[in-house]
């Protein structure tokens, strides 16, 4: 189930293309705080998935790292699922 959630999340970000204007649900952003460690990460991941590395790094420096970590997590969970449930098929 976790792998499916991460896969759907990455797929959604691959379909979505970030524009200049965005709506943020971040409470720190809403309060006017200039820096939040999570703000921009989704847009950064979307830029990476569209092959736009420079805008990704400008939006959030950990976007590339997040894509790598989430992709490896999906692969690991999928392999584990196939090892434990693959014998039934």
C-alpha atoms as a PDB file:
ATOM      1  CA  UNK A   1       0.000   0.000   0.000  1.00  0.00           C
ATOM      2  CA  UNK A   2       2.815   2.422   0.853  1.00  0.00           C
ATOM      3  CA  UNK A   3       4.483   1.846  -2.516  1.00  0.00           C
ATOM      4  CA  UNK A   4       1.199   2.603  -4.263  1.00  0.00           C
ATOM      5  CA  UNK A   5       0.783   5.870  -2.349  1.00  0.00           C
ATOM      6  CA  UNK A   6       4.309   7.014  -3.248  1.00  0.00           C
ATOM      7  CA  UNK A   7       3.831   5.934  -6.880  1.00  0.00           C
ATOM      8  CA  UNK A   8       0.556   7.854  -7.192  1.00  0.00           C
ATOM      9  CA  UNK A   9       2.188  10.881  -5.553  1.00  0.00           C
ATOM     10  CA  UNK A  10       5.137  10.894  -7.950  1.00  0.00           C
ATOM     11  CA  UNK A  11       2.847  10.274 -10.913  1.00  0.00           C
ATOM     12  CA  UNK A  12       0.651  13.200  -9.866  1.00  0.00           C
ATOM     13  CA  UNK A  13       3.687  15.461  -9.627  1.00  0.00           C
ATOM     14  CA  UNK A  14       4.845  14.250 -13.056  1.00  0.00           C
ATOM     15  CA  UNK A  15       1.489  15.238 -14.553  1.00  0.00           C
ATOM     16  CA  UNK A  16       1.344  18.573 -12.702  1.00  0.00           C
ATOM     17  CA  UNK A  17       3.494  21.374 -14.091  1.00  0.00           C
ATOM     18  CA  UNK A  18       4.322  24.083 -11.554  1.00  0.00           C
ATOM     19  CA  UNK A  19       3.450  27.622 -12.540  1.00  0.00           C
ATOM     20  CA  UNK A  20       4.531  30.933 -11.060  1.00  0.00           C
ATOM     21  CA  UNK A  21       1.456  31.309  -8.873  1.00  0.00           C
ATOM     22  CA  UNK A  22       0.606  28.624  -6.384  1.00  0.00           C
ATOM     23  CA  UNK A  23      -1.603  28.027  -3.383  1.00  0.00           C
ATOM     24  CA  UNK A  24       0.164  26.855  -0.256  1.00  0.00           C
ATOM     25  CA  UNK A  25      -1.391  25.001   2.638  1.00  0.00           C
ATOM     26  CA  UNK A  26       1.728  25.500   4.759  1.00  0.00           C
ATOM     27  CA  UNK A  27       0.856  27.203   8.044  1.00  0.00           C
ATOM     28  CA  UNK A  28       4.264  28.894   8.209  1.00  0.00           C
ATOM     29  CA  UNK A  29       3.788  30.325   4.728  1.00  0.00           C
ATOM     30  CA  UNK A  30       0.316  31.523   5.680  1.00  0.00           C
ATOM     31  CA  UNK A  31       1.794  33.305   8.719  1.00  0.00           C
ATOM     32  CA  UNK A  32       4.328  35.103   6.535  1.00  0.00           C
ATOM     33  CA  UNK A  33       7.421  33.178   7.624  1.00  0.00           C
ATOM     34  CA  UNK A  34      10.054  33.470   4.901  1.00  0.00           C
ATOM     35  CA  UNK A  35      11.593  30.015   5.322  1.00  0.00           C
ATOM     36  CA  UNK A  36       9.984  26.622   5.739  1.00  0.00           C
ATOM     37  CA  UNK A  37      12.090  23.488   5.150  1.00  0.00           C
ATOM     38  CA  UNK A  38       9.255  21.759   3.275  1.00  0.00           C
ATOM     39  CA  UNK A  39       7.884  24.580   1.141  1.00  0.00           C
ATOM     40  CA  UNK A  40       8.620  24.140  -2.533  1.00  0.00           C
ATOM     41  CA  UNK A  41       9.545  20.466  -2.314  1.00  0.00           C
ATOM     42  CA  UNK A  42       6.542  19.301  -4.348  1.00  0.00           C
ATOM     43  CA  UNK A  43       7.205  21.877  -7.068  1.00  0.00           C
ATOM     44  CA  UNK A  44      10.896  20.951  -7.019  1.00  0.00           C
ATOM     45  CA  UNK A  45      10.048  17.267  -7.504  1.00  0.00           C
ATOM     46  CA  UNK A  46       7.696  18.193 -10.345  1.00  0.00           C
ATOM     47  CA  UNK A  47      10.467  20.152 -12.055  1.00  0.00           C
ATOM     48  CA  UNK A  48      12.835  17.168 -11.698  1.00  0.00           C
ATOM     49  CA  UNK A  49      10.258  14.834 -13.227  1.00  0.00           C
ATOM     50  CA  UNK A  50       9.935  17.257 -16.152  1.00  0.00           C
ATOM     51  CA  UNK A  51      13.734  17.263 -16.598  1.00  0.00           C
ATOM     52  CA  UNK A  52      14.180  20.854 -15.440  1.00  0.00           C
ATOM     53  CA  UNK A  53      17.062  20.612 -12.988  1.00  0.00           C
ATOM     54  CA  UNK A  54      17.941  24.308 -12.547  1.00  0.00           C
ATOM     55  CA  UNK A  55      14.392  25.434 -11.627  1.00  0.00           C
ATOM     56  CA  UNK A  56      14.183  22.415  -9.334  1.00  0.00           C
ATOM     57  CA  UNK A  57      17.305  23.423  -7.453  1.00  0.00           C
ATOM     58  CA  UNK A  58      16.109  27.022  -7.202  1.00  0.00           C
ATOM     59  CA  UNK A  59      12.738  25.935  -5.820  1.00  0.00           C
ATOM     60  CA  UNK A  60      14.116  23.475  -3.236  1.00  0.00           C
ATOM     61  CA  UNK A  61      17.643  22.007  -3.103  1.00  0.00           C
ATOM     62  CA  UNK A  62      16.451  18.562  -1.968  1.00  0.00           C
ATOM     63  CA  UNK A  63      14.023  17.865  -4.829  1.00  0.00           C
ATOM     64  CA  UNK A  64      16.419  15.606  -6.732  1.00  0.00           C
ATOM     65  CA  UNK A  65      17.319  13.755  -3.542  1.00  0.00           C
ATOM     66  CA  UNK A  66      13.614  13.269  -2.724  1.00  0.00           C
ATOM     67  CA  UNK A  67      12.918  11.758  -6.162  1.00  0.00           C
ATOM     68  CA  UNK A  68      15.820   9.324  -5.725  1.00  0.00           C
ATOM     69  CA  UNK A  69      14.776   8.318  -2.194  1.00  0.00           C
ATOM     70  CA  UNK A  70      11.103   7.874  -3.113  1.00  0.00           C
ATOM     71  CA  UNK A  71      11.972   5.886  -6.246  1.00  0.00           C
ATOM     72  CA  UNK A  72      14.261   3.569  -4.284  1.00  0.00           C
ATOM     73  CA  UNK A  73      11.558   3.150  -1.626  1.00  0.00           C
ATOM     74  CA  UNK A  74       8.991   2.186  -4.263  1.00  0.00           C
ATOM     75  CA  UNK A  75      11.404  -0.358  -5.762  1.00  0.00           C
ATOM     76  CA  UNK A  76      12.257  -1.833  -2.351  1.00  0.00           C
ATOM     77  CA  UNK A  77       8.611  -2.163  -1.298  1.00  0.00           C
ATOM     78  CA  UNK A  78       7.641  -3.657  -4.666  1.00  0.00           C
ATOM     79  CA  UNK A  79      10.406  -6.259  -4.475  1.00  0.00           C
ATOM     80  CA  UNK A  80       9.397  -7.136  -0.923  1.00  0.00           C
ATOM     81  CA  UNK A  81       5.764  -7.502  -1.969  1.00  0.00           C
ATOM     82  CA  UNK A  82       6.685  -9.740  -4.898  1.00  0.00           C
ATOM     83  CA  UNK A  83       8.899 -11.909  -2.696  1.00  0.00           C
ATOM     84  CA  UNK A  84       6.183 -12.465  -0.106  1.00  0.00           C
ATOM     85  CA  UNK A  85       3.102 -12.575  -2.339  1.00  0.00           C
ATOM     86  CA  UNK A  86       4.545 -13.557  -5.711  1.00  0.00           C
ATOM     87  CA  UNK A  87       4.404 -17.281  -4.923  1.00  0.00           C
ATOM     88  CA  UNK A  88       0.614 -17.161  -4.808  1.00  0.00           C
ATOM     89  CA  UNK A  89       0.317 -16.127  -8.471  1.00  0.00           C
END
